[in-house]
Structure formats: structure tokens, C-alpha cells
């Protein structure tokens, strides 16, 4: 199991996100700084997937992440949302 976390500032306060991959399946969660409980995100939108990809890309550049996971996310983004991300080979 692998977990990735990030945060964004919103009008409600600082919101934290967590994406966990286990057995090839992703699970997204969110919470506010003031709320100790994590809330599941059953159908993450393209914005969340792109943010996760950005986090993973930065980790990959620092040699702390896998290119395979980024490729899988790219394929899923194109299939489900019609978003094509240019790779370095294009």
C-alpha cells in the first residue's frame, strides 16, 4: 500500500487530501484541518487525478516514485476524461 498526501487552501480553510493505492486500486479521501475524520471521495474528478499526477511527477523527478504509476494514471485520464498528457517522448 502506498499513500500520497497534499493540501489546498479553500474558503473553508486548509483542506487535506490523501490518495492510497492498494492492489492497483486507488482510494481518495479528504478532510479539513479542523476535522479529525477523513471523508471518502467515491468518484474523484479530473482535477483531483491531475493533482495526484502532479504530486507523483514531482516524486518521480526526485527518484522517489514509479513511472509505471504515472503511466497508468495518464491512460486512465485519457480514457475517462479525454485528457491527454504529452510524455517526454512526443
C-alpha atoms as a PDB file:
ATOM      1  CA  UNK A   1       0.000   0.000   0.000  1.00  0.00           C
ATOM      2  CA  UNK A   2       1.276   3.441  -0.958  1.00  0.00           C
ATOM      3  CA  UNK A   3      -0.141   6.760   0.222  1.00  0.00           C
ATOM      4  CA  UNK A   4       0.268  10.302  -1.114  1.00  0.00           C
ATOM      5  CA  UNK A   5      -0.944  13.448   0.643  1.00  0.00           C
ATOM      6  CA  UNK A   6      -1.268  17.117  -0.266  1.00  0.00           C
ATOM      7  CA  UNK A   7      -3.252  20.161   0.811  1.00  0.00           C
ATOM      8  CA  UNK A   8      -5.043  23.099  -0.778  1.00  0.00           C
ATOM      9  CA  UNK A   9      -6.299  26.343   0.688  1.00  0.00           C
ATOM     10  CA  UNK A  10     -10.061  26.741   0.321  1.00  0.00           C
ATOM     11  CA  UNK A  11     -12.596  29.231   1.596  1.00  0.00           C
ATOM     12  CA  UNK A  12     -13.463  26.683   4.336  1.00  0.00           C
ATOM     13  CA  UNK A  13      -9.824  26.540   5.447  1.00  0.00           C
ATOM     14  CA  UNK A  14      -6.938  24.252   4.654  1.00  0.00           C
ATOM     15  CA  UNK A  15      -8.206  21.025   3.052  1.00  0.00           C
ATOM     16  CA  UNK A  16      -6.060  17.896   3.106  1.00  0.00           C
ATOM     17  CA  UNK A  17      -6.245  15.134   0.502  1.00  0.00           C
ATOM     18  CA  UNK A  18      -4.960  11.582   0.581  1.00  0.00           C
ATOM     19  CA  UNK A  19      -4.733   9.103  -2.284  1.00  0.00           C
ATOM     20  CA  UNK A  20      -3.895   5.499  -1.466  1.00  0.00           C
ATOM     21  CA  UNK A  21      -3.161   2.737  -3.952  1.00  0.00           C
ATOM     22  CA  UNK A  22      -3.568  -0.895  -2.939  1.00  0.00           C
ATOM     23  CA  UNK A  23      -3.646  -3.838  -5.341  1.00  0.00           C
ATOM     24  CA  UNK A  24      -3.938  -1.455  -8.310  1.00  0.00           C
ATOM     25  CA  UNK A  25      -6.998   0.326  -6.927  1.00  0.00           C
ATOM     26  CA  UNK A  26      -6.996   3.985  -5.843  1.00  0.00           C
ATOM     27  CA  UNK A  27      -8.890   5.390  -2.867  1.00  0.00           C
ATOM     28  CA  UNK A  28      -9.221   9.152  -2.313  1.00  0.00           C
ATOM     29  CA  UNK A  29     -10.024  10.882   0.981  1.00  0.00           C
ATOM     30  CA  UNK A  30     -10.296  14.474   2.198  1.00  0.00           C
ATOM     31  CA  UNK A  31     -10.553  16.363   5.476  1.00  0.00           C
ATOM     32  CA  UNK A  32     -10.311  19.874   6.840  1.00  0.00           C
ATOM     33  CA  UNK A  33      -7.605  20.918   9.252  1.00  0.00           C
ATOM     34  CA  UNK A  34     -10.305  21.397  11.906  1.00  0.00           C
ATOM     35  CA  UNK A  35     -11.914  17.962  11.279  1.00  0.00           C
ATOM     36  CA  UNK A  36     -10.086  14.873  12.579  1.00  0.00           C
ATOM     37  CA  UNK A  37     -12.098  12.422  10.428  1.00  0.00           C
ATOM     38  CA  UNK A  38     -11.247  11.578   6.810  1.00  0.00           C
ATOM     39  CA  UNK A  39     -14.138  11.558   4.335  1.00  0.00           C
ATOM     40  CA  UNK A  40     -14.034   9.183   1.365  1.00  0.00           C
ATOM     41  CA  UNK A  41     -14.278  10.584  -2.182  1.00  0.00           C
ATOM     42  CA  UNK A  42     -16.078   7.847  -4.156  1.00  0.00           C
ATOM     43  CA  UNK A  43     -15.767   9.382  -7.660  1.00  0.00           C
ATOM     44  CA  UNK A  44     -12.762  11.711  -7.861  1.00  0.00           C
ATOM     45  CA  UNK A  45     -12.978  14.313 -10.626  1.00  0.00           C
ATOM     46  CA  UNK A  46     -10.297  15.048 -13.221  1.00  0.00           C
ATOM     47  CA  UNK A  47      -8.909  17.896 -11.091  1.00  0.00           C
ATOM     48  CA  UNK A  48      -8.076  15.511  -8.229  1.00  0.00           C
ATOM     49  CA  UNK A  49      -6.471  12.999 -10.598  1.00  0.00           C
ATOM     50  CA  UNK A  50      -4.371  15.746 -12.190  1.00  0.00           C
ATOM     51  CA  UNK A  51      -3.250  16.995  -8.778  1.00  0.00           C
ATOM     52  CA  UNK A  52      -2.264  13.440  -7.794  1.00  0.00           C
ATOM     53  CA  UNK A  53      -0.367  13.089 -11.063  1.00  0.00           C
ATOM     54  CA  UNK A  54       1.481  16.354 -10.337  1.00  0.00           C
ATOM     55  CA  UNK A  55       2.467  15.066  -6.875  1.00  0.00           C
ATOM     56  CA  UNK A  56       3.653  11.745  -8.327  1.00  0.00           C
ATOM     57  CA  UNK A  57       5.551  13.512 -11.130  1.00  0.00           C
ATOM     58  CA  UNK A  58       7.483  15.598  -8.592  1.00  0.00           C
ATOM     59  CA  UNK A  59       8.305  12.456  -6.600  1.00  0.00           C
ATOM     60  CA  UNK A  60       9.420  10.686  -9.782  1.00  0.00           C
ATOM     61  CA  UNK A  61      11.749  13.569 -10.663  1.00  0.00           C
ATOM     62  CA  UNK A  62      13.381  13.230  -7.229  1.00  0.00           C
ATOM     63  CA  UNK A  63      13.695   9.456  -7.842  1.00  0.00           C
ATOM     64  CA  UNK A  64      11.153   8.724  -5.095  1.00  0.00           C
ATOM     65  CA  UNK A  65       8.333   7.452  -7.297  1.00  0.00           C
ATOM     66  CA  UNK A  66       7.486   4.999 -10.053  1.00  0.00           C
ATOM     67  CA  UNK A  67       6.984   5.899 -13.706  1.00  0.00           C
ATOM     68  CA  UNK A  68       4.601   2.933 -14.062  1.00  0.00           C
ATOM     69  CA  UNK A  69       2.027   4.532 -11.750  1.00  0.00           C
ATOM     70  CA  UNK A  70       2.189   7.808 -13.700  1.00  0.00           C
ATOM     71  CA  UNK A  71       1.643   5.924 -16.976  1.00  0.00           C
ATOM     72  CA  UNK A  72      -1.420   4.170 -15.542  1.00  0.00           C
ATOM     73  CA  UNK A  73      -2.877   7.480 -14.368  1.00  0.00           C
ATOM     74  CA  UNK A  74      -2.210   9.032 -17.803  1.00  0.00           C
ATOM     75  CA  UNK A  75      -4.064   6.167 -19.524  1.00  0.00           C
ATOM     76  CA  UNK A  76      -6.973   6.466 -17.090  1.00  0.00           C
ATOM     77  CA  UNK A  77      -7.160  10.259 -17.583  1.00  0.00           C
ATOM     78  CA  UNK A  78      -7.319   9.823 -21.348  1.00  0.00           C
ATOM     79  CA  UNK A  79      -9.879   7.009 -21.196  1.00  0.00           C
ATOM     80  CA  UNK A  80     -12.218   8.503 -18.564  1.00  0.00           C
ATOM     81  CA  UNK A  81     -11.825  12.265 -19.059  1.00  0.00           C
ATOM     82  CA  UNK A  82     -10.350  12.672 -22.558  1.00  0.00           C
ATOM     83  CA  UNK A  83      -7.256  14.375 -21.125  1.00  0.00           C
ATOM     84  CA  UNK A  84      -4.052  13.571 -22.978  1.00  0.00           C
ATOM     85  CA  UNK A  85      -0.787  14.358 -21.241  1.00  0.00           C
ATOM     86  CA  UNK A  86       2.223  14.634 -23.514  1.00  0.00           C
ATOM     87  CA  UNK A  87       5.075  12.403 -22.490  1.00  0.00           C
ATOM     88  CA  UNK A  88       8.723  13.297 -22.912  1.00  0.00           C
ATOM     89  CA  UNK A  89       8.846  11.019 -25.996  1.00  0.00           C
ATOM     90  CA  UNK A  90       6.306  13.076 -28.008  1.00  0.00           C
END
